[in-house]
All heavy atoms as atom14 arrays in JSON, in Angstrom:
{
  "sequence": "YGDGLSDVDIGALYDFHSAHGKKATVTAVRPLARFGALDLHGTNVR",
  "atom14_mask": [
    [1, 1, 1, 1, 1, 1, 1, 1, 1, 1, 1, 1, 0, 0],
    [1, 1, 1, 1, 0, 0, 0, 0, 0, 0, 0, 0, 0, 0],
    [1, 1, 1, 1, 1, 1, 1, 1, 0, 0, 0, 0, 0, 0],
    [1, 1, 1, 1, 0, 0, 0, 0, 0, 0, 0, 0, 0, 0],
    [1, 1, 1, 1, 1, 1, 1, 1, 0, 0, 0, 0, 0, 0],
    [1, 1, 1, 1, 1, 1, 0, 0, 0, 0, 0, 0, 0, 0],
    [1, 1, 1, 1, 1, 1, 1, 1, 0, 0, 0, 0, 0, 0],
    [1, 1, 1, 1, 1, 1, 1, 0, 0, 0, 0, 0, 0, 0],
    [1, 1, 1, 1, 1, 1, 1, 1, 0, 0, 0, 0, 0, 0],
    [1, 1, 1, 1, 1, 1, 1, 1, 0, 0, 0, 0, 0, 0],
    [1, 1, 1, 1, 0, 0, 0, 0, 0, 0, 0, 0, 0, 0],
    [1, 1, 1, 1, 1, 0, 0, 0, 0, 0, 0, 0, 0, 0],
    [1, 1, 1, 1, 1, 1, 1, 1, 0, 0, 0, 0, 0, 0],
    [1, 1, 1, 1, 1, 1, 1, 1, 1, 1, 1, 1, 0, 0],
    [1, 1, 1, 1, 1, 1, 1, 1, 0, 0, 0, 0, 0, 0],
    [1, 1, 1, 1, 1, 1, 1, 1, 1, 1, 1, 0, 0, 0],
    [1, 1, 1, 1, 1, 1, 1, 1, 1, 1, 0, 0, 0, 0],
    [1, 1, 1, 1, 1, 1, 0, 0, 0, 0, 0, 0, 0, 0],
    [1, 1, 1, 1, 1, 0, 0, 0, 0, 0, 0, 0, 0, 0],
    [1, 1, 1, 1, 1, 1, 1, 1, 1, 1, 0, 0, 0, 0],
    [1, 1, 1, 1, 0, 0, 0, 0, 0, 0, 0, 0, 0, 0],
    [1, 1, 1, 1, 1, 1, 1, 1, 1, 0, 0, 0, 0, 0],
    [1, 1, 1, 1, 1, 1, 1, 1, 1, 0, 0, 0, 0, 0],
    [1, 1, 1, 1, 1, 0, 0, 0, 0, 0, 0, 0, 0, 0],
    [1, 1, 1, 1, 1, 1, 1, 0, 0, 0, 0, 0, 0, 0],
    [1, 1, 1, 1, 1, 1, 1, 0, 0, 0, 0, 0, 0, 0],
    [1, 1, 1, 1, 1, 1, 1, 0, 0, 0, 0, 0, 0, 0],
    [1, 1, 1, 1, 1, 0, 0, 0, 0, 0, 0, 0, 0, 0],
    [1, 1, 1, 1, 1, 1, 1, 0, 0, 0, 0, 0, 0, 0],
    [1, 1, 1, 1, 1, 1, 1, 1, 1, 1, 1, 0, 0, 0],
    [1, 1, 1, 1, 1, 1, 1, 0, 0, 0, 0, 0, 0, 0],
    [1, 1, 1, 1, 1, 1, 1, 1, 0, 0, 0, 0, 0, 0],
    [1, 1, 1, 1, 1, 0, 0, 0, 0, 0, 0, 0, 0, 0],
    [1, 1, 1, 1, 1, 1, 1, 1, 1, 1, 1, 0, 0, 0],
    [1, 1, 1, 1, 1, 1, 1, 1, 1, 1, 1, 0, 0, 0],
    [1, 1, 1, 1, 0, 0, 0, 0, 0, 0, 0, 0, 0, 0],
    [1, 1, 1, 1, 1, 0, 0, 0, 0, 0, 0, 0, 0, 0],
    [1, 1, 1, 1, 1, 1, 1, 1, 0, 0, 0, 0, 0, 0],
    [1, 1, 1, 1, 1, 1, 1, 1, 0, 0, 0, 0, 0, 0],
    [1, 1, 1, 1, 1, 1, 1, 1, 0, 0, 0, 0, 0, 0],
    [1, 1, 1, 1, 1, 1, 1, 1, 1, 1, 0, 0, 0, 0],
    [1, 1, 1, 1, 0, 0, 0, 0, 0, 0, 0, 0, 0, 0],
    [1, 1, 1, 1, 1, 1, 1, 0, 0, 0, 0, 0, 0, 0],
    [1, 1, 1, 1, 1, 1, 1, 1, 0, 0, 0, 0, 0, 0],
    [1, 1, 1, 1, 1, 1, 1, 0, 0, 0, 0, 0, 0, 0],
    [1, 1, 1, 1, 1, 1, 1, 1, 1, 1, 1, 0, 0, 0]
  ],
  "atom14_positions": [
    [[23.3, 23.75, 60.43], [22.9, 24.98, 61.17], [21.71, 24.76, 62.07], [20.83, 23.98, 61.71], [22.65, 26.08, 60.25], [23.78, 26.34, 59.18], [23.62, 25.99, 57.91], [24.96, 27.0, 59.62], [24.64, 26.18, 56.99], [26.01, 27.23, 58.77], [25.93, 26.82, 57.35], [26.97, 27.02, 56.5], [0.0, 0.0, 0.0], [0.0, 0.0, 0.0]],
    [[21.7, 25.44, 63.21], [20.57, 25.27, 64.1], [19.37, 25.97, 63.83], [18.55, 26.3, 64.76], [0.0, 0.0, 0.0], [0.0, 0.0, 0.0], [0.0, 0.0, 0.0], [0.0, 0.0, 0.0], [0.0, 0.0, 0.0], [0.0, 0.0, 0.0], [0.0, 0.0, 0.0], [0.0, 0.0, 0.0], [0.0, 0.0, 0.0], [0.0, 0.0, 0.0]],
    [[19.02, 26.33, 62.52], [17.86, 27.09, 62.2], [17.26, 26.64, 60.86], [16.48, 27.4, 60.33], [18.21, 28.56, 62.27], [19.13, 28.96, 61.16], [19.74, 28.09, 60.61], [19.39, 30.18, 60.91], [0.0, 0.0, 0.0], [0.0, 0.0, 0.0], [0.0, 0.0, 0.0], [0.0, 0.0, 0.0], [0.0, 0.0, 0.0], [0.0, 0.0, 0.0]],
    [[17.67, 25.49, 60.32], [17.14, 25.11, 59.03], [16.58, 23.65, 58.97], [17.2, 22.7, 59.65], [0.0, 0.0, 0.0], [0.0, 0.0, 0.0], [0.0, 0.0, 0.0], [0.0, 0.0, 0.0], [0.0, 0.0, 0.0], [0.0, 0.0, 0.0], [0.0, 0.0, 0.0], [0.0, 0.0, 0.0], [0.0, 0.0, 0.0], [0.0, 0.0, 0.0]],
    [[15.43, 23.46, 58.49], [14.83, 22.28, 58.39], [14.63, 21.63, 57.01], [14.6, 22.44, 55.99], [13.3, 22.33, 59.05], [13.29, 22.69, 60.44], [11.83, 22.97, 60.82], [13.89, 21.68, 61.4], [0.0, 0.0, 0.0], [0.0, 0.0, 0.0], [0.0, 0.0, 0.0], [0.0, 0.0, 0.0], [0.0, 0.0, 0.0], [0.0, 0.0, 0.0]],
    [[14.7, 20.4, 56.86], [14.64, 19.8, 55.33], [14.28, 18.36, 55.55], [14.23, 17.73, 56.62], [16.1, 19.86, 54.87], [15.98, 19.2, 53.56], [0.0, 0.0, 0.0], [0.0, 0.0, 0.0], [0.0, 0.0, 0.0], [0.0, 0.0, 0.0], [0.0, 0.0, 0.0], [0.0, 0.0, 0.0], [0.0, 0.0, 0.0], [0.0, 0.0, 0.0]],
    [[13.73, 17.8, 54.37], [13.48, 16.35, 54.38], [14.56, 15.56, 53.62], [14.49, 14.6, 52.96], [12.08, 16.01, 53.66], [12.11, 16.68, 52.33], [12.98, 17.26, 51.79], [11.06, 16.43, 51.53], [0.0, 0.0, 0.0], [0.0, 0.0, 0.0], [0.0, 0.0, 0.0], [0.0, 0.0, 0.0], [0.0, 0.0, 0.0], [0.0, 0.0, 0.0]],
    [[15.8, 16.2, 53.52], [16.94, 15.59, 52.84], [17.14, 14.13, 53.39], [16.98, 13.92, 54.62], [18.19, 16.4, 53.14], [18.55, 16.63, 54.56], [19.34, 15.91, 52.28], [0.0, 0.0, 0.0], [0.0, 0.0, 0.0], [0.0, 0.0, 0.0], [0.0, 0.0, 0.0], [0.0, 0.0, 0.0], [0.0, 0.0, 0.0], [0.0, 0.0, 0.0]],
    [[17.41, 13.32, 52.52], [17.8, 11.88, 52.92], [19.21, 11.83, 53.53], [20.26, 11.69, 52.75], [17.73, 11.0, 51.65], [17.8, 9.53, 52.09], [18.57, 9.13, 52.88], [17.1, 8.66, 51.27], [0.0, 0.0, 0.0], [0.0, 0.0, 0.0], [0.0, 0.0, 0.0], [0.0, 0.0, 0.0], [0.0, 0.0, 0.0], [0.0, 0.0, 0.0]],
    [[19.25, 11.72, 54.91], [20.49, 11.83, 55.55], [21.41, 10.59, 55.19], [22.71, 10.61, 55.04], [20.22, 11.9, 57.05], [19.44, 13.21, 57.36], [21.58, 11.79, 57.78], [20.33, 14.42, 57.06], [0.0, 0.0, 0.0], [0.0, 0.0, 0.0], [0.0, 0.0, 0.0], [0.0, 0.0, 0.0], [0.0, 0.0, 0.0], [0.0, 0.0, 0.0]],
    [[20.71, 9.39, 54.97], [21.53, 8.23, 54.73], [22.11, 8.29, 53.33], [23.33, 7.85, 53.1], [0.0, 0.0, 0.0], [0.0, 0.0, 0.0], [0.0, 0.0, 0.0], [0.0, 0.0, 0.0], [0.0, 0.0, 0.0], [0.0, 0.0, 0.0], [0.0, 0.0, 0.0], [0.0, 0.0, 0.0], [0.0, 0.0, 0.0], [0.0, 0.0, 0.0]],
    [[21.38, 8.76, 52.32], [21.83, 8.92, 50.99], [22.86, 9.92, 50.92], [23.86, 9.96, 50.16], [20.77, 9.27, 50.08], [0.0, 0.0, 0.0], [0.0, 0.0, 0.0], [0.0, 0.0, 0.0], [0.0, 0.0, 0.0], [0.0, 0.0, 0.0], [0.0, 0.0, 0.0], [0.0, 0.0, 0.0], [0.0, 0.0, 0.0], [0.0, 0.0, 0.0]],
    [[22.82, 11.02, 51.74], [23.81, 12.01, 51.84], [25.19, 11.5, 52.26], [26.19, 11.8, 51.65], [23.28, 13.13, 52.66], [24.37, 14.22, 53.22], [24.92, 15.07, 52.05], [23.68, 15.21, 54.25], [0.0, 0.0, 0.0], [0.0, 0.0, 0.0], [0.0, 0.0, 0.0], [0.0, 0.0, 0.0], [0.0, 0.0, 0.0], [0.0, 0.0, 0.0]],
    [[25.09, 10.74, 53.36], [26.35, 10.14, 53.93], [27.01, 9.17, 52.79], [28.2, 9.2, 52.72], [26.13, 9.4, 55.2], [27.37, 9.05, 55.94], [27.89, 9.95, 56.86], [27.88, 7.72, 55.75], [29.09, 9.61, 57.6], [29.05, 7.44, 56.5], [29.59, 8.3, 57.37], [30.71, 7.97, 58.05], [0.0, 0.0, 0.0], [0.0, 0.0, 0.0]],
    [[26.14, 8.39, 52.23], [26.62, 7.37, 51.23], [27.27, 8.09, 50.04], [28.32, 7.64, 49.5], [25.58, 6.45, 50.86], [25.16, 5.41, 51.93], [26.01, 5.27, 52.93], [24.03, 4.86, 51.94], [0.0, 0.0, 0.0], [0.0, 0.0, 0.0], [0.0, 0.0, 0.0], [0.0, 0.0, 0.0], [0.0, 0.0, 0.0], [0.0, 0.0, 0.0]],
    [[26.68, 9.24, 49.65], [27.2, 9.95, 48.5], [28.55, 10.56, 48.9], [29.54, 10.42, 48.1], [26.26, 11.17, 48.25], [26.78, 12.17, 47.23], [26.71, 11.84, 45.86], [27.34, 13.37, 47.61], [27.22, 12.76, 44.92], [27.71, 14.33, 46.79], [27.64, 14.1, 45.37], [0.0, 0.0, 0.0], [0.0, 0.0, 0.0], [0.0, 0.0, 0.0]],
    [[28.77, 10.96, 50.02], [30.06, 11.54, 50.53], [31.09, 10.37, 50.61], [32.13, 10.51, 50.16], [29.9, 12.11, 51.97], [31.19, 12.56, 52.47], [31.74, 13.86, 52.21], [32.15, 12.0, 53.34], [32.89, 13.95, 52.79], [33.19, 12.87, 53.51], [0.0, 0.0, 0.0], [0.0, 0.0, 0.0], [0.0, 0.0, 0.0], [0.0, 0.0, 0.0]],
    [[30.62, 9.26, 51.09], [31.63, 8.19, 51.18], [32.03, 7.7, 49.89], [33.16, 7.31, 49.47], [31.02, 7.0, 51.86], [30.68, 7.26, 53.26], [0.0, 0.0, 0.0], [0.0, 0.0, 0.0], [0.0, 0.0, 0.0], [0.0, 0.0, 0.0], [0.0, 0.0, 0.0], [0.0, 0.0, 0.0], [0.0, 0.0, 0.0], [0.0, 0.0, 0.0]],
    [[31.13, 7.75, 48.86], [31.39, 7.25, 47.53], [32.4, 8.22, 46.74], [33.31, 7.7, 45.96], [30.06, 7.14, 46.7], [0.0, 0.0, 0.0], [0.0, 0.0, 0.0], [0.0, 0.0, 0.0], [0.0, 0.0, 0.0], [0.0, 0.0, 0.0], [0.0, 0.0, 0.0], [0.0, 0.0, 0.0], [0.0, 0.0, 0.0], [0.0, 0.0, 0.0]],
    [[32.23, 9.46, 46.85], [33.1, 10.31, 46.08], [34.57, 10.44, 46.75], [35.51, 10.92, 45.99], [32.56, 11.75, 45.82], [32.26, 12.6, 46.93], [33.23, 13.14, 47.81], [31.06, 13.17, 47.44], [32.72, 13.87, 48.71], [31.4, 13.96, 48.51], [0.0, 0.0, 0.0], [0.0, 0.0, 0.0], [0.0, 0.0, 0.0], [0.0, 0.0, 0.0]],
    [[34.64, 10.24, 47.99], [35.94, 10.24, 48.68], [36.65, 11.5, 48.93], [37.8, 11.57, 49.25], [0.0, 0.0, 0.0], [0.0, 0.0, 0.0], [0.0, 0.0, 0.0], [0.0, 0.0, 0.0], [0.0, 0.0, 0.0], [0.0, 0.0, 0.0], [0.0, 0.0, 0.0], [0.0, 0.0, 0.0], [0.0, 0.0, 0.0], [0.0, 0.0, 0.0]],
    [[35.96, 12.67, 48.7], [36.59, 13.88, 48.96], [36.39, 14.43, 50.39], [35.74, 13.8, 51.29], [36.07, 15.01, 47.95], [36.4, 14.58, 46.54], [35.93, 15.6, 45.48], [36.29, 15.23, 44.06], [35.78, 16.09, 43.04], [0.0, 0.0, 0.0], [0.0, 0.0, 0.0], [0.0, 0.0, 0.0], [0.0, 0.0, 0.0], [0.0, 0.0, 0.0]],
    [[36.89, 15.6, 50.73], [36.87, 16.02, 52.11], [35.58, 16.58, 52.58], [35.34, 16.55, 53.77], [37.95, 17.14, 52.28], [39.34, 16.61, 52.22], [40.34, 17.73, 52.5], [41.8, 17.11, 52.35], [42.8, 18.25, 52.68], [0.0, 0.0, 0.0], [0.0, 0.0, 0.0], [0.0, 0.0, 0.0], [0.0, 0.0, 0.0], [0.0, 0.0, 0.0]],
    [[34.74, 17.04, 51.73], [33.46, 17.68, 52.16], [32.31, 17.58, 51.16], [32.62, 17.6, 49.96], [33.77, 19.2, 52.43], [0.0, 0.0, 0.0], [0.0, 0.0, 0.0], [0.0, 0.0, 0.0], [0.0, 0.0, 0.0], [0.0, 0.0, 0.0], [0.0, 0.0, 0.0], [0.0, 0.0, 0.0], [0.0, 0.0, 0.0], [0.0, 0.0, 0.0]],
    [[31.22, 17.49, 51.7], [29.92, 17.48, 50.89], [28.95, 18.54, 51.54], [28.84, 18.59, 52.8], [29.22, 16.08, 50.97], [30.09, 15.19, 50.37], [27.9, 16.16, 50.12], [0.0, 0.0, 0.0], [0.0, 0.0, 0.0], [0.0, 0.0, 0.0], [0.0, 0.0, 0.0], [0.0, 0.0, 0.0], [0.0, 0.0, 0.0], [0.0, 0.0, 0.0]],
    [[28.42, 19.34, 50.62], [27.37, 20.31, 51.1], [26.09, 19.9, 50.43], [26.14, 19.47, 49.26], [27.76, 21.69, 50.73], [27.97, 21.88, 49.21], [26.74, 22.82, 51.25], [0.0, 0.0, 0.0], [0.0, 0.0, 0.0], [0.0, 0.0, 0.0], [0.0, 0.0, 0.0], [0.0, 0.0, 0.0], [0.0, 0.0, 0.0], [0.0, 0.0, 0.0]],
    [[25.02, 20.11, 51.1], [23.55, 19.84, 50.53], [23.27, 21.13, 49.74], [23.22, 22.22, 50.32], [22.6, 19.49, 51.56], [22.98, 18.25, 52.23], [21.26, 19.36, 50.98], [0.0, 0.0, 0.0], [0.0, 0.0, 0.0], [0.0, 0.0, 0.0], [0.0, 0.0, 0.0], [0.0, 0.0, 0.0], [0.0, 0.0, 0.0], [0.0, 0.0, 0.0]],
    [[23.06, 21.04, 48.45], [22.67, 22.05, 47.48], [21.28, 22.2, 47.45], [20.53, 21.19, 47.01], [23.46, 21.92, 46.18], [0.0, 0.0, 0.0], [0.0, 0.0, 0.0], [0.0, 0.0, 0.0], [0.0, 0.0, 0.0], [0.0, 0.0, 0.0], [0.0, 0.0, 0.0], [0.0, 0.0, 0.0], [0.0, 0.0, 0.0], [0.0, 0.0, 0.0]],
    [[20.59, 23.28, 47.67], [19.07, 23.44, 47.61], [18.93, 24.73, 46.71], [19.88, 25.4, 46.44], [18.52, 23.63, 48.98], [18.67, 22.37, 49.91], [19.11, 24.84, 49.74], [0.0, 0.0, 0.0], [0.0, 0.0, 0.0], [0.0, 0.0, 0.0], [0.0, 0.0, 0.0], [0.0, 0.0, 0.0], [0.0, 0.0, 0.0], [0.0, 0.0, 0.0]],
    [[17.65, 24.76, 46.41], [17.31, 25.78, 45.41], [16.11, 26.73, 45.9], [14.97, 26.56, 45.45], [16.95, 25.27, 44.04], [17.04, 26.2, 42.81], [16.28, 25.71, 41.67], [16.6, 24.39, 41.21], [17.4, 24.18, 40.17], [17.95, 25.2, 39.46], [17.66, 22.98, 39.7], [0.0, 0.0, 0.0], [0.0, 0.0, 0.0], [0.0, 0.0, 0.0]],
    [[16.45, 27.74, 46.8], [15.38, 28.59, 47.3], [15.35, 29.93, 46.53], [15.92, 30.08, 45.48], [15.71, 28.78, 48.72], [17.2, 28.71, 48.64], [17.53, 27.85, 47.59], [0.0, 0.0, 0.0], [0.0, 0.0, 0.0], [0.0, 0.0, 0.0], [0.0, 0.0, 0.0], [0.0, 0.0, 0.0], [0.0, 0.0, 0.0], [0.0, 0.0, 0.0]],
    [[14.91, 30.96, 47.21], [14.95, 32.3, 46.55], [16.25, 32.84, 46.51], [17.21, 32.41, 47.18], [14.01, 33.28, 47.49], [12.61, 32.79, 47.41], [11.86, 33.74, 48.51], [11.86, 32.8, 46.18], [0.0, 0.0, 0.0], [0.0, 0.0, 0.0], [0.0, 0.0, 0.0], [0.0, 0.0, 0.0], [0.0, 0.0, 0.0], [0.0, 0.0, 0.0]],
    [[16.41, 33.88, 45.72], [17.76, 34.46, 45.39], [18.31, 35.39, 46.44], [19.25, 35.94, 46.21], [17.6, 35.22, 44.06], [0.0, 0.0, 0.0], [0.0, 0.0, 0.0], [0.0, 0.0, 0.0], [0.0, 0.0, 0.0], [0.0, 0.0, 0.0], [0.0, 0.0, 0.0], [0.0, 0.0, 0.0], [0.0, 0.0, 0.0], [0.0, 0.0, 0.0]],
    [[17.75, 35.4, 47.62], [18.33, 36.31, 48.69], [19.46, 35.66, 49.33], [20.06, 36.28, 50.17], [17.29, 36.57, 49.73], [16.69, 35.35, 50.4], [15.41, 35.72, 51.27], [14.73, 34.57, 51.8], [14.74, 34.29, 53.15], [15.24, 35.25, 54.06], [14.17, 33.24, 53.56], [0.0, 0.0, 0.0], [0.0, 0.0, 0.0], [0.0, 0.0, 0.0]],
    [[19.81, 34.48, 48.95], [21.07, 33.78, 49.46], [22.17, 33.78, 48.44], [21.91, 33.84, 47.23], [20.72, 32.3, 49.89], [19.73, 32.19, 50.96], [18.39, 32.21, 50.7], [20.1, 32.28, 52.29], [17.46, 32.1, 51.69], [19.23, 32.31, 53.32], [17.91, 32.11, 52.95], [0.0, 0.0, 0.0], [0.0, 0.0, 0.0], [0.0, 0.0, 0.0]],
    [[23.42, 33.58, 48.82], [24.47, 33.33, 47.91], [24.32, 31.93, 47.23], [23.72, 31.1, 47.74], [0.0, 0.0, 0.0], [0.0, 0.0, 0.0], [0.0, 0.0, 0.0], [0.0, 0.0, 0.0], [0.0, 0.0, 0.0], [0.0, 0.0, 0.0], [0.0, 0.0, 0.0], [0.0, 0.0, 0.0], [0.0, 0.0, 0.0], [0.0, 0.0, 0.0]],
    [[24.8, 31.82, 46.08], [24.73, 30.54, 45.24], [25.96, 29.83, 45.1], [27.09, 30.39, 45.21], [24.13, 30.92, 43.79], [0.0, 0.0, 0.0], [0.0, 0.0, 0.0], [0.0, 0.0, 0.0], [0.0, 0.0, 0.0], [0.0, 0.0, 0.0], [0.0, 0.0, 0.0], [0.0, 0.0, 0.0], [0.0, 0.0, 0.0], [0.0, 0.0, 0.0]],
    [[25.82, 28.57, 44.84], [26.93, 27.67, 44.56], [27.22, 27.69, 43.03], [26.23, 27.48, 42.19], [26.71, 26.2, 45.07], [26.43, 26.05, 46.46], [26.03, 24.65, 46.75], [27.66, 26.48, 47.3], [0.0, 0.0, 0.0], [0.0, 0.0, 0.0], [0.0, 0.0, 0.0], [0.0, 0.0, 0.0], [0.0, 0.0, 0.0], [0.0, 0.0, 0.0]],
    [[28.46, 27.75, 42.57], [28.8, 27.66, 41.17], [29.28, 26.1, 40.95], [30.29, 25.65, 41.42], [30.12, 28.55, 40.99], [30.48, 28.52, 39.46], [29.83, 27.75, 38.59], [31.54, 29.04, 39.16], [0.0, 0.0, 0.0], [0.0, 0.0, 0.0], [0.0, 0.0, 0.0], [0.0, 0.0, 0.0], [0.0, 0.0, 0.0], [0.0, 0.0, 0.0]],
    [[28.4, 25.38, 40.28], [28.52, 23.94, 40.16], [28.98, 23.56, 38.7], [28.49, 24.07, 37.73], [27.26, 23.28, 40.56], [26.69, 23.44, 41.87], [25.21, 22.81, 42.02], [27.67, 22.75, 42.82], [0.0, 0.0, 0.0], [0.0, 0.0, 0.0], [0.0, 0.0, 0.0], [0.0, 0.0, 0.0], [0.0, 0.0, 0.0], [0.0, 0.0, 0.0]],
    [[29.81, 22.45, 38.69], [30.13, 21.88, 37.43], [29.74, 20.37, 37.63], [30.49, 19.63, 38.35], [31.59, 22.01, 37.11], [31.92, 21.31, 35.86], [31.6, 21.94, 34.64], [32.48, 20.21, 35.55], [32.01, 21.04, 33.62], [32.65, 20.11, 34.2], [0.0, 0.0, 0.0], [0.0, 0.0, 0.0], [0.0, 0.0, 0.0], [0.0, 0.0, 0.0]],
    [[28.56, 19.86, 37.3], [28.12, 18.68, 37.69], [27.7, 18.79, 39.22], [26.93, 19.69, 39.62], [0.0, 0.0, 0.0], [0.0, 0.0, 0.0], [0.0, 0.0, 0.0], [0.0, 0.0, 0.0], [0.0, 0.0, 0.0], [0.0, 0.0, 0.0], [0.0, 0.0, 0.0], [0.0, 0.0, 0.0], [0.0, 0.0, 0.0], [0.0, 0.0, 0.0]],
    [[28.34, 17.87, 40.1], [28.23, 17.93, 41.46], [29.44, 18.58, 42.07], [29.51, 18.69, 43.34], [27.96, 16.57, 42.06], [28.99, 15.73, 41.79], [26.62, 16.03, 41.54], [0.0, 0.0, 0.0], [0.0, 0.0, 0.0], [0.0, 0.0, 0.0], [0.0, 0.0, 0.0], [0.0, 0.0, 0.0], [0.0, 0.0, 0.0], [0.0, 0.0, 0.0]],
    [[30.34, 18.94, 41.29], [31.61, 19.59, 41.86], [31.41, 21.07, 42.03], [31.04, 21.85, 41.2], [32.74, 19.43, 40.83], [34.03, 19.89, 41.39], [34.68, 20.76, 40.71], [34.51, 19.46, 42.56], [0.0, 0.0, 0.0], [0.0, 0.0, 0.0], [0.0, 0.0, 0.0], [0.0, 0.0, 0.0], [0.0, 0.0, 0.0], [0.0, 0.0, 0.0]],
    [[31.68, 21.55, 43.33], [31.57, 22.86, 43.67], [32.88, 23.67, 43.24], [33.93, 23.37, 43.83], [31.25, 23.13, 45.29], [31.05, 24.51, 45.52], [30.02, 22.27, 45.6], [0.0, 0.0, 0.0], [0.0, 0.0, 0.0], [0.0, 0.0, 0.0], [0.0, 0.0, 0.0], [0.0, 0.0, 0.0], [0.0, 0.0, 0.0], [0.0, 0.0, 0.0]],
    [[32.73, 24.59, 42.41], [33.87, 25.32, 41.92], [34.1, 26.62, 42.72], [35.27, 27.04, 42.86], [33.76, 25.74, 40.45], [33.73, 24.42, 39.47], [35.09, 23.77, 39.62], [35.12, 22.51, 38.75], [35.32, 22.44, 37.5], [35.62, 23.62, 36.82], [35.34, 21.37, 36.82], [0.0, 0.0, 0.0], [0.0, 0.0, 0.0], [0.0, 0.0, 0.0]]
  ]
}
């Protein structure tokens, strides 16, 4: 998105995606509760 900043490791993110072989990877962050949350089982988004 064109309005969010982070120090996420872009290289590690890409390698993580390549390793699991699925169609999509989202970066999960933990801010305040004013946003919707991800229901996770390990790293799998349910």
